[in-house]
Amino acid sequence: MRVTIAARWLLLGALSAAYLLSGCKKKEKDHSHGNSQNPSDSAWVEIAHEHSPRGAHVHVYARLHQSQNKQVYEGYNRFRIKVEGYNGPNVKLVPIMYMRDHSHSCPTRQPDGRATDDYFYAEAFFQMPTTVENGTVTEPWKLHVILGENDTATAEVRVNPHPNGWVRGKRFDTSMGRVRLLYEFRPEGAFKVGTVPVRMYVYRRDTTISRENPDGFPPASDMVRVVQLKTWMPSMDHGAPGNQPAQPVPNSFGLYKGQVGFNMTGDWDIYLAFVRPQGDTLGLDTVKVRF
């Protein structure tokens, strides 16, 4: 009898340990959901199919990470556009958010002609999500695909809030005047002990640019030479090696690439310092992460 009772306690302990381990793994996986943005885990998803007044069929696809569950997030997005019934060499993408008292566009890179696969490729940075009140869209984002004179297909797109709040508009007051930036911090993989490549998309914010001219928003490479990155663990009062500054990628649409380092799990602060070409710091920000 004693042997049987002891065996039962050993079995119960083993089962409890297995349950706790599986729970920890699940919690870790759930917590990291949405953090990993490895481009190889993305796919083209059709988000709109509209007809223009002259009968063209316009299909709009977004490149979405698998963690987005086919939802468009605020921040940087890449699009490809398929047009049937239109033989022109180019199209123009004009995203506009229609707010109660005004409307505005966002930084956009227009297609560079029709690609060899017959698609038109564009990029856009949604600086805020669609406004929804009591389940009803009150301030929508609309994508206007302009095919030619007096021929435009329009699709309403639901832009969801960034799950981590890493899309930000910042105003920095400097000795040379006020500077406004729009940017997004994005890791290329799940946070872990060691180093993690990161992307940043950085743009200038100019309130004088008309809503019909979204490609008038210039990237910030002429104002931000590099974004210094530093990791710090407040609870342990130490940093970690492996950080590399995010530097602009030539011929990209506001893309900066760098690296952050961690030497243990827990709560971390990532300090961002936007450095101007002159060498001084334009402004600072902090991204908080946990893994």
C-alpha atoms as a PDB file:
ATOM      1  CA  MET A   1       0.000   0.000   0.000  1.00  0.00           C
ATOM      2  CA  ARG A   2       2.772   2.464   0.875  1.00  0.00           C
ATOM      3  CA  VAL A   3       4.519   1.687  -2.417  1.00  0.00           C
ATOM      4  CA  THR A   4       1.290   2.289  -4.323  1.00  0.00           C
ATOM      5  CA  ILE A   5       0.656   5.641  -2.574  1.00  0.00           C
ATOM      6  CA  ALA A   6       4.243   6.722  -3.175  1.00  0.00           C
ATOM      7  CA  ALA A   7       3.966   5.760  -6.829  1.00  0.00           C
ATOM      8  CA  ARG A   8       0.782   7.790  -7.158  1.00  0.00           C
ATOM      9  CA  TRP A   9       2.477  10.857  -5.638  1.00  0.00           C
ATOM     10  CA  LEU A  10       5.420  10.448  -8.016  1.00  0.00           C
ATOM     11  CA  LEU A  11       3.048  10.159 -10.987  1.00  0.00           C
ATOM     12  CA  LEU A  12       1.073  13.197  -9.841  1.00  0.00           C
ATOM     13  CA  GLY A  13       4.272  15.193  -9.447  1.00  0.00           C
ATOM     14  CA  ALA A  14       5.440  14.208 -12.915  1.00  0.00           C
ATOM     15  CA  LEU A  15       2.090  15.168 -14.440  1.00  0.00           C
ATOM     16  CA  SER A  16       2.098  18.507 -12.582  1.00  0.00           C
ATOM     17  CA  ALA A  17       5.605  19.274 -13.762  1.00  0.00           C
ATOM     18  CA  ALA A  18       4.681  18.409 -17.349  1.00  0.00           C
ATOM     19  CA  TYR A  19       1.592  20.619 -17.116  1.00  0.00           C
ATOM     20  CA  LEU A  20       3.590  23.544 -15.748  1.00  0.00           C
ATOM     21  CA  LEU A  21       6.236  23.153 -18.417  1.00  0.00           C
ATOM     22  CA  SER A  22       3.636  23.017 -21.190  1.00  0.00           C
ATOM     23  CA  GLY A  23       1.866  26.017 -19.668  1.00  0.00           C
ATOM     24  CA  CYS A  24       5.106  27.991 -19.567  1.00  0.00           C
ATOM     25  CA  LYS A  25       5.801  27.151 -23.180  1.00  0.00           C
ATOM     26  CA  LYS A  26       2.289  28.141 -24.195  1.00  0.00           C
ATOM     27  CA  LYS A  27       2.482  31.379 -22.220  1.00  0.00           C
ATOM     28  CA  GLU A  28       5.822  32.219 -23.781  1.00  0.00           C
ATOM     29  CA  LYS A  29       4.442  31.486 -27.253  1.00  0.00           C
ATOM     30  CA  ASP A  30       1.272  33.491 -26.651  1.00  0.00           C
ATOM     31  CA  HIS A  31       3.251  36.415 -25.282  1.00  0.00           C
ATOM     32  CA  SER A  32       5.535  36.560 -28.290  1.00  0.00           C
ATOM     33  CA  HIS A  33       2.628  36.373 -30.740  1.00  0.00           C
ATOM     34  CA  GLY A  34       2.713  39.392 -32.976  1.00  0.00           C
ATOM     35  CA  ASN A  35       6.294  40.381 -32.086  1.00  0.00           C
ATOM     36  CA  SER A  36       7.997  38.328 -34.775  1.00  0.00           C
ATOM     37  CA  GLN A  37       7.948  40.112 -38.116  1.00  0.00           C
ATOM     38  CA  ASN A  38      10.263  37.900 -40.128  1.00  0.00           C
ATOM     39  CA  PRO A  39       9.542  38.835 -43.759  1.00  0.00           C
ATOM     40  CA  SER A  40       9.737  35.171 -44.790  1.00  0.00           C
ATOM     41  CA  ASP A  41       6.600  34.536 -42.703  1.00  0.00           C
ATOM     42  CA  SER A  42       4.538  36.956 -44.814  1.00  0.00           C
ATOM     43  CA  ALA A  43       2.245  36.441 -47.807  1.00  0.00           C
ATOM     44  CA  TRP A  44       0.166  38.486 -50.240  1.00  0.00           C
ATOM     45  CA  VAL A  45      -3.455  38.789 -49.097  1.00  0.00           C
ATOM     46  CA  GLU A  46      -6.210  40.342 -51.221  1.00  0.00           C
ATOM     47  CA  ILE A  47      -7.819  43.163 -49.224  1.00  0.00           C
ATOM     48  CA  ALA A  48      -9.986  44.783 -51.895  1.00  0.00           C
ATOM     49  CA  HIS A  49     -11.591  44.156 -55.289  1.00  0.00           C
ATOM     50  CA  GLU A  50     -13.307  47.178 -56.810  1.00  0.00           C
ATOM     51  CA  HIS A  51     -14.527  48.378 -60.212  1.00  0.00           C
ATOM     52  CA  SER A  52     -13.657  51.739 -61.694  1.00  0.00           C
ATOM     53  CA  PRO A  53     -16.303  53.892 -63.445  1.00  0.00           C
ATOM     54  CA  ARG A  54     -14.909  52.795 -66.824  1.00  0.00           C
ATOM     55  CA  GLY A  55     -15.192  49.124 -65.967  1.00  0.00           C
ATOM     56  CA  ALA A  56     -11.670  48.190 -64.897  1.00  0.00           C
ATOM     57  CA  HIS A  57     -11.284  45.511 -62.211  1.00  0.00           C
ATOM     58  CA  VAL A  58      -8.844  46.571 -59.512  1.00  0.00           C
ATOM     59  CA  HIS A  59      -7.442  44.009 -57.056  1.00  0.00           C
ATOM     60  CA  VAL A  60      -5.400  45.318 -54.121  1.00  0.00           C
ATOM     61  CA  TYR A  61      -3.132  42.958 -52.158  1.00  0.00           C
ATOM     62  CA  ALA A  62      -1.199  43.676 -48.951  1.00  0.00           C
ATOM     63  CA  ARG A  63       1.926  41.861 -47.785  1.00  0.00           C
ATOM     64  CA  LEU A  64       0.868  40.648 -44.330  1.00  0.00           C
ATOM     65  CA  HIS A  65       2.721  38.698 -41.664  1.00  0.00           C
ATOM     66  CA  GLN A  66       1.040  35.462 -40.571  1.00  0.00           C
ATOM     67  CA  SER A  67       0.571  36.841 -37.036  1.00  0.00           C
ATOM     68  CA  GLN A  68      -1.676  39.596 -38.434  1.00  0.00           C
ATOM     69  CA  ASN A  69      -4.428  37.085 -39.242  1.00  0.00           C
ATOM     70  CA  LYS A  70      -5.069  38.822 -42.606  1.00  0.00           C
ATOM     71  CA  GLN A  71      -5.562  42.196 -40.902  1.00  0.00           C
ATOM     72  CA  VAL A  72      -3.884  45.415 -42.044  1.00  0.00           C
ATOM     73  CA  TYR A  73      -2.055  47.192 -39.204  1.00  0.00           C
ATOM     74  CA  GLU A  74      -1.093  50.828 -38.890  1.00  0.00           C
ATOM     75  CA  GLY A  75       2.499  51.509 -39.818  1.00  0.00           C
ATOM     76  CA  TYR A  76       4.441  50.412 -42.894  1.00  0.00           C
ATOM     77  CA  ASN A  77       2.603  48.343 -45.513  1.00  0.00           C
ATOM     78  CA  ARG A  78       3.545  47.069 -48.955  1.00  0.00           C
ATOM     79  CA  PHE A  79       0.887  46.718 -51.644  1.00  0.00           C
ATOM     80  CA  ARG A  80       0.598  45.246 -55.097  1.00  0.00           C
ATOM     81  CA  ILE A  81      -2.208  46.161 -57.461  1.00  0.00           C
ATOM     82  CA  LYS A  82      -3.623  44.074 -60.292  1.00  0.00           C
ATOM     83  CA  VAL A  83      -5.729  45.898 -62.890  1.00  0.00           C
ATOM     84  CA  GLU A  84      -7.850  44.148 -65.506  1.00  0.00           C
ATOM     85  CA  GLY A  85      -9.263  46.200 -68.338  1.00  0.00           C
ATOM     86  CA  TYR A  86      -6.622  48.940 -68.192  1.00  0.00           C
ATOM     87  CA  ASN A  87      -3.515  48.992 -70.367  1.00  0.00           C
ATOM     88  CA  GLY A  88      -1.891  52.169 -69.086  1.00  0.00           C
ATOM     89  CA  PRO A  89       1.765  52.136 -68.010  1.00  0.00           C
ATOM     90  CA  ASN A  90       1.130  53.270 -64.432  1.00  0.00           C
ATOM     91  CA  VAL A  91      -1.350  53.823 -61.636  1.00  0.00           C
ATOM     92  CA  LYS A  92      -1.307  56.065 -58.586  1.00  0.00           C
ATOM     93  CA  LEU A  93      -2.208  55.038 -55.028  1.00  0.00           C
ATOM     94  CA  VAL A  94      -3.752  57.744 -52.837  1.00  0.00           C
ATOM     95  CA  PRO A  95      -4.648  56.637 -49.269  1.00  0.00           C
ATOM     96  CA  ILE A  96      -6.883  59.117 -47.458  1.00  0.00           C
ATOM     97  CA  MET A  97      -8.325  59.036 -43.951  1.00  0.00           C
ATOM     98  CA  TYR A  98     -11.658  60.835 -43.802  1.00  0.00           C
ATOM     99  CA  MET A  99     -12.010  62.417 -40.364  1.00  0.00           C
ATOM    100  CA  ARG A 100     -14.921  64.437 -39.013  1.00  0.00           C
ATOM    101  CA  ASP A 101     -13.388  67.870 -39.433  1.00  0.00           C
ATOM    102  CA  HIS A 102     -10.729  67.227 -42.078  1.00  0.00           C
ATOM    103  CA  SER A 103      -9.048  64.514 -44.103  1.00  0.00           C
ATOM    104  CA  HIS A 104      -5.396  63.624 -44.620  1.00  0.00           C
ATOM    105  CA  SER A 105      -3.149  61.250 -46.510  1.00  0.00           C
ATOM    106  CA  CYS A 106      -0.002  59.413 -45.387  1.00  0.00           C
ATOM    107  CA  PRO A 107       3.541  58.820 -46.677  1.00  0.00           C
ATOM    108  CA  THR A 108       3.283  56.808 -49.893  1.00  0.00           C
ATOM    109  CA  ARG A 109       5.713  55.536 -52.509  1.00  0.00           C
ATOM    110  CA  GLN A 110       4.072  55.252 -55.898  1.00  0.00           C
ATOM    111  CA  PRO A 111       4.465  52.287 -58.281  1.00  0.00           C
ATOM    112  CA  ASP A 112       7.438  52.511 -60.597  1.00  0.00           C
ATOM    113  CA  GLY A 113       5.489  51.411 -63.641  1.00  0.00           C
ATOM    114  CA  ARG A 114       4.019  48.006 -64.363  1.00  0.00           C
ATOM    115  CA  ALA A 115       6.263  45.194 -63.093  1.00  0.00           C
ATOM    116  CA  THR A 116       7.194  42.149 -65.192  1.00  0.00           C
ATOM    117  CA  ASP A 117       4.601  40.078 -63.311  1.00  0.00           C
ATOM    118  CA  ASP A 118       1.900  42.583 -64.433  1.00  0.00           C
ATOM    119  CA  TYR A 119       1.431  44.060 -60.933  1.00  0.00           C
ATOM    120  CA  PHE A 120       1.929  47.631 -59.732  1.00  0.00           C
ATOM    121  CA  TYR A 121       3.867  47.777 -56.433  1.00  0.00           C
ATOM    122  CA  ALA A 122       3.412  50.570 -53.891  1.00  0.00           C
ATOM    123  CA  GLU A 123       4.252  51.305 -50.246  1.00  0.00           C
ATOM    124  CA  ALA A 124       2.365  53.323 -47.628  1.00  0.00           C
ATOM    125  CA  PHE A 125       2.692  54.193 -43.942  1.00  0.00           C
ATOM    126  CA  PHE A 126      -0.628  54.473 -42.072  1.00  0.00           C
ATOM    127  CA  GLN A 127       0.120  56.767 -39.134  1.00  0.00           C
ATOM    128  CA  MET A 128      -3.092  55.923 -37.264  1.00  0.00           C
ATOM    129  CA  PRO A 129      -5.776  53.218 -37.231  1.00  0.00           C
ATOM    130  CA  THR A 130      -9.329  53.410 -38.504  1.00  0.00           C
ATOM    131  CA  THR A 131     -11.604  55.087 -35.956  1.00  0.00           C
ATOM    132  CA  VAL A 132     -14.321  52.741 -34.728  1.00  0.00           C
ATOM    133  CA  GLU A 133     -16.994  53.738 -32.200  1.00  0.00           C
ATOM    134  CA  ASN A 134     -19.430  51.181 -30.786  1.00  0.00           C
ATOM    135  CA  GLY A 135     -18.581  48.787 -33.588  1.00  0.00           C
ATOM    136  CA  THR A 136     -19.194  51.375 -36.340  1.00  0.00           C
ATOM    137  CA  VAL A 137     -16.485  52.911 -38.501  1.00  0.00           C
ATOM    138  CA  THR A 138     -16.707  56.689 -38.072  1.00  0.00           C
ATOM    139  CA  GLU A 139     -13.396  57.781 -39.640  1.00  0.00           C
ATOM    140  CA  PRO A 140     -12.366  55.384 -42.411  1.00  0.00           C
ATOM    141  CA  TRP A 141      -9.246  54.907 -44.485  1.00  0.00           C
ATOM    142  CA  LYS A 142      -9.874  54.659 -48.224  1.00  0.00           C
ATOM    143  CA  LEU A 143      -7.462  53.612 -50.958  1.00  0.00           C
ATOM    144  CA  HIS A 144      -7.984  55.505 -54.205  1.00  0.00           C
ATOM    145  CA  VAL A 145      -6.366  53.746 -57.168  1.00  0.00           C
ATOM    146  CA  ILE A 146      -6.138  56.296 -59.971  1.00  0.00           C
ATOM    147  CA  LEU A 147      -5.959  54.661 -63.401  1.00  0.00           C
ATOM    148  CA  GLY A 148      -6.175  57.726 -65.559  1.00  0.00           C
ATOM    149  CA  GLU A 149      -8.148  60.893 -66.056  1.00  0.00           C
ATOM    150  CA  ASN A 150     -11.603  60.573 -64.471  1.00  0.00           C
ATOM    151  CA  ASP A 151     -11.150  56.861 -63.731  1.00  0.00           C
ATOM    152  CA  THR A 152     -10.529  55.897 -60.099  1.00  0.00           C
ATOM    153  CA  ALA A 153     -11.374  52.770 -58.118  1.00  0.00           C
ATOM    154  CA  THR A 154     -11.918  53.318 -54.375  1.00  0.00           C
ATOM    155  CA  ALA A 155     -11.774  50.706 -51.620  1.00  0.00           C
ATOM    156  CA  GLU A 156     -12.335  51.158 -47.892  1.00  0.00           C
ATOM    157  CA  VAL A 157      -9.638  49.418 -45.840  1.00  0.00           C
ATOM    158  CA  ARG A 158      -9.827  48.633 -42.131  1.00  0.00           C
ATOM    159  CA  VAL A 159      -6.527  49.684 -40.538  1.00  0.00           C
ATOM    160  CA  ASN A 160      -6.125  48.053 -37.141  1.00  0.00           C
ATOM    161  CA  PRO A 161      -4.099  49.429 -34.215  1.00  0.00           C
ATOM    162  CA  HIS A 162      -0.541  48.163 -33.919  1.00  0.00           C
ATOM    163  CA  PRO A 163      -0.669  45.427 -31.229  1.00  0.00           C
ATOM    164  CA  ASN A 164       2.447  46.745 -29.463  1.00  0.00           C
ATOM    165  CA  GLY A 165       1.968  50.483 -29.944  1.00  0.00           C
ATOM    166  CA  TRP A 166       5.226  50.829 -31.862  1.00  0.00           C
ATOM    167  CA  VAL A 167       3.843  53.182 -34.519  1.00  0.00           C
ATOM    168  CA  ARG A 168       4.431  56.703 -33.281  1.00  0.00           C
ATOM    169  CA  GLY A 169       4.324  60.315 -34.272  1.00  0.00           C
ATOM    170  CA  LYS A 170       6.808  62.433 -32.344  1.00  0.00           C
ATOM    171  CA  ARG A 171       7.472  66.143 -32.171  1.00  0.00           C
ATOM    172  CA  PHE A 172      10.976  67.230 -31.275  1.00  0.00           C
ATOM    173  CA  ASP A 173      11.767  70.848 -30.422  1.00  0.00           C
ATOM    174  CA  THR A 174      15.321  71.684 -31.433  1.00  0.00           C
ATOM    175  CA  SER A 175      17.461  74.800 -31.617  1.00  0.00           C
ATOM    176  CA  MET A 176      16.756  74.866 -35.348  1.00  0.00           C
ATOM    177  CA  GLY A 177      13.000  74.619 -34.943  1.00  0.00           C
ATOM    178  CA  ARG A 178      10.311  71.983 -34.494  1.00  0.00           C
ATOM    179  CA  VAL A 179      10.699  68.631 -36.249  1.00  0.00           C
ATOM    180  CA  ARG A 180       7.927  66.037 -36.633  1.00  0.00           C
ATOM    181  CA  LEU A 181       8.623  62.394 -37.380  1.00  0.00           C
ATOM    182  CA  LEU A 182       6.509  59.316 -38.049  1.00  0.00           C
ATOM    183  CA  TYR A 183       8.118  55.970 -37.378  1.00  0.00           C
ATOM    184  CA  GLU A 184       7.631  52.305 -36.576  1.00  0.00           C
ATOM    185  CA  PHE A 185       9.904  49.945 -34.638  1.00  0.00           C
ATOM    186  CA  ARG A 186       9.737  46.364 -35.923  1.00  0.00           C
ATOM    187  CA  PRO A 187      11.817  43.300 -34.891  1.00  0.00           C
ATOM    188  CA  GLU A 188      12.545  40.779 -37.634  1.00  0.00           C
ATOM    189  CA  GLY A 189      12.115  37.834 -35.276  1.00  0.00           C
ATOM    190  CA  ALA A 190      10.888  36.935 -31.807  1.00  0.00           C
ATOM    191  CA  PHE A 191      12.799  38.517 -28.929  1.00  0.00           C
ATOM    192  CA  LYS A 192      15.324  36.138 -27.390  1.00  0.00           C
ATOM    193  CA  VAL A 193      18.574  35.996 -25.458  1.00  0.00           C
ATOM    194  CA  GLY A 194      21.223  37.033 -27.948  1.00  0.00           C
ATOM    195  CA  THR A 195      20.778  39.421 -30.856  1.00  0.00           C
ATOM    196  CA  VAL A 196      17.649  40.277 -32.853  1.00  0.00           C
ATOM    197  CA  PRO A 197      17.690  42.156 -36.193  1.00  0.00           C
ATOM    198  CA  VAL A 198      15.290  45.103 -36.241  1.00  0.00           C
ATOM    199  CA  ARG A 199      13.772  47.385 -38.839  1.00  0.00           C
ATOM    200  CA  MET A 200      12.664  50.958 -38.441  1.00  0.00           C
ATOM    201  CA  TYR A 201      10.574  52.928 -40.908  1.00  0.00           C
ATOM    202  CA  VAL A 202      11.157  56.659 -40.444  1.00  0.00           C
ATOM    203  CA  TYR A 203       9.452  59.540 -42.274  1.00  0.00           C
ATOM    204  CA  ARG A 204       9.072  63.278 -41.978  1.00  0.00           C
ATOM    205  CA  ARG A 205       5.634  64.516 -41.040  1.00  0.00           C
ATOM    206  CA  ASP A 206       4.574  67.619 -42.925  1.00  0.00           C
ATOM    207  CA  THR A 207       1.117  69.041 -42.273  1.00  0.00           C
ATOM    208  CA  THR A 208       1.359  71.349 -45.309  1.00  0.00           C
ATOM    209  CA  ILE A 209       1.283  68.474 -47.804  1.00  0.00           C
ATOM    210  CA  SER A 210      -2.100  68.122 -49.487  1.00  0.00           C
ATOM    211  CA  ARG A 211      -4.065  64.937 -49.091  1.00  0.00           C
ATOM    212  CA  GLU A 212      -3.951  64.358 -52.869  1.00  0.00           C
ATOM    213  CA  ASN A 213      -0.140  64.258 -52.811  1.00  0.00           C
ATOM    214  CA  PRO A 214       0.838  61.410 -50.465  1.00  0.00           C
ATOM    215  CA  ASP A 215       4.152  60.856 -52.224  1.00  0.00           C
ATOM    216  CA  GLY A 216       5.070  64.373 -51.131  1.00  0.00           C
ATOM    217  CA  PHE A 217       5.960  62.999 -47.686  1.00  0.00           C
ATOM    218  CA  PRO A 218       9.729  62.480 -47.893  1.00  0.00           C
ATOM    219  CA  PRO A 219      11.613  59.808 -45.932  1.00  0.00           C
ATOM    220  CA  ALA A 220      13.696  61.253 -43.121  1.00  0.00           C
ATOM    221  CA  SER A 221      17.137  60.171 -44.334  1.00  0.00           C
ATOM    222  CA  ASP A 222      18.134  63.807 -44.859  1.00  0.00           C
ATOM    223  CA  MET A 223      17.237  64.573 -41.226  1.00  0.00           C
ATOM    224  CA  VAL A 224      18.092  61.298 -39.446  1.00  0.00           C
ATOM    225  CA  ARG A 225      21.508  59.895 -40.272  1.00  0.00           C
ATOM    226  CA  VAL A 226      21.211  56.947 -37.918  1.00  0.00           C
ATOM    227  CA  VAL A 227      19.047  55.659 -35.050  1.00  0.00           C
ATOM    228  CA  GLN A 228      21.213  54.586 -32.107  1.00  0.00           C
ATOM    229  CA  LEU A 229      19.839  51.532 -30.253  1.00  0.00           C
ATOM    230  CA  LYS A 230      20.591  50.599 -26.650  1.00  0.00           C
ATOM    231  CA  THR A 231      18.991  47.880 -24.509  1.00  0.00           C
ATOM    232  CA  TRP A 232      18.600  48.343 -20.766  1.00  0.00           C
ATOM    233  CA  MET A 233      17.052  46.158 -18.045  1.00  0.00           C
ATOM    234  CA  PRO A 234      15.711  48.525 -15.340  1.00  0.00           C
ATOM    235  CA  SER A 235      15.064  45.826 -12.730  1.00  0.00           C
ATOM    236  CA  MET A 236      18.684  44.621 -12.869  1.00  0.00           C
ATOM    237  CA  ASP A 237      20.250  48.003 -13.685  1.00  0.00           C
ATOM    238  CA  HIS A 238      22.349  46.744 -16.586  1.00  0.00           C
ATOM    239  CA  GLY A 239      22.479  46.723 -20.344  1.00  0.00           C
ATOM    240  CA  ALA A 240      23.549  44.081 -22.839  1.00  0.00           C
ATOM    241  CA  PRO A 241      26.022  43.786 -25.720  1.00  0.00           C
ATOM    242  CA  GLY A 242      25.113  43.224 -29.339  1.00  0.00           C
ATOM    243  CA  ASN A 243      23.364  46.513 -30.154  1.00  0.00           C
ATOM    244  CA  GLN A 244      24.033  48.003 -33.577  1.00  0.00           C
ATOM    245  CA  PRO A 245      22.611  51.327 -34.816  1.00  0.00           C
ATOM    246  CA  ALA A 246      19.799  51.309 -37.378  1.00  0.00           C
ATOM    247  CA  GLN A 247      21.132  52.851 -40.588  1.00  0.00           C
ATOM    248  CA  PRO A 248      19.181  53.881 -43.685  1.00  0.00           C
ATOM    249  CA  VAL A 249      18.954  51.328 -46.494  1.00  0.00           C
ATOM    250  CA  PRO A 250      19.786  52.989 -49.843  1.00  0.00           C
ATOM    251  CA  ASN A 251      16.896  53.390 -52.312  1.00  0.00           C
ATOM    252  CA  SER A 252      14.361  52.146 -49.763  1.00  0.00           C
ATOM    253  CA  PHE A 253      11.189  53.880 -48.626  1.00  0.00           C
ATOM    254  CA  GLY A 254      12.230  55.103 -45.171  1.00  0.00           C
ATOM    255  CA  LEU A 255      13.782  51.776 -44.088  1.00  0.00           C
ATOM    256  CA  TYR A 256      16.545  51.625 -41.446  1.00  0.00           C
ATOM    257  CA  LYS A 257      18.168  48.353 -40.320  1.00  0.00           C
ATOM    258  CA  GLY A 258      19.970  47.604 -37.052  1.00  0.00           C
ATOM    259  CA  GLN A 259      20.229  45.086 -34.225  1.00  0.00           C
ATOM    260  CA  VAL A 260      19.435  44.836 -30.507  1.00  0.00           C
ATOM    261  CA  GLY A 261      21.004  42.533 -27.916  1.00  0.00           C
ATOM    262  CA  PHE A 262      19.753  40.864 -24.716  1.00  0.00           C
ATOM    263  CA  ASN A 263      21.616  38.696 -22.183  1.00  0.00           C
ATOM    264  CA  MET A 264      18.630  37.377 -20.186  1.00  0.00           C
ATOM    265  CA  THR A 265      14.843  37.171 -20.284  1.00  0.00           C
ATOM    266  CA  GLY A 266      12.583  39.704 -18.575  1.00  0.00           C
ATOM    267  CA  ASP A 267      11.463  43.310 -19.012  1.00  0.00           C
ATOM    268  CA  TRP A 268      13.679  45.471 -21.193  1.00  0.00           C
ATOM    269  CA  ASP A 269      13.768  49.052 -22.409  1.00  0.00           C
ATOM    270  CA  ILE A 270      15.098  49.800 -25.882  1.00  0.00           C
ATOM    271  CA  TYR A 271      16.370  53.366 -26.074  1.00  0.00           C
ATOM    272  CA  LEU A 272      16.131  55.068 -29.468  1.00  0.00           C
ATOM    273  CA  ALA A 273      18.257  58.125 -30.263  1.00  0.00           C
ATOM    274  CA  PHE A 274      17.591  59.855 -33.590  1.00  0.00           C
ATOM    275  CA  VAL A 275      20.914  61.331 -34.688  1.00  0.00           C
ATOM    276  CA  ARG A 276      21.054  64.064 -37.316  1.00  0.00           C
ATOM    277  CA  PRO A 277      23.680  64.307 -40.096  1.00  0.00           C
ATOM    278  CA  GLN A 278      25.386  67.042 -38.056  1.00  0.00           C
ATOM    279  CA  GLY A 279      26.032  64.476 -35.309  1.00  0.00           C
ATOM    280  CA  ASP A 280      23.735  65.881 -32.622  1.00  0.00           C
ATOM    281  CA  THR A 281      20.648  64.102 -31.280  1.00  0.00           C
ATOM    282  CA  LEU A 282      17.333  65.157 -32.728  1.00  0.00           C
ATOM    283  CA  GLY A 283      15.240  63.356 -30.105  1.00  0.00           C
ATOM    284  CA  LEU A 284      14.803  60.266 -27.908  1.00  0.00           C
ATOM    285  CA  ASP A 285      12.190  57.579 -27.424  1.00  0.00           C
ATOM    286  CA  THR A 286      11.821  54.281 -25.532  1.00  0.00           C
ATOM    287  CA  VAL A 287      10.294  50.950 -26.616  1.00  0.00           C
ATOM    288  CA  LYS A 288       9.379  48.549 -23.808  1.00  0.00           C
ATOM    289  CA  VAL A 289       9.483  44.781 -24.452  1.00  0.00           C
ATOM    290  CA  ARG A 290       9.098  41.613 -22.395  1.00  0.00           C
ATOM    291  CA  PHE A 291      10.035  38.032 -23.271  1.00  0.00           C
END
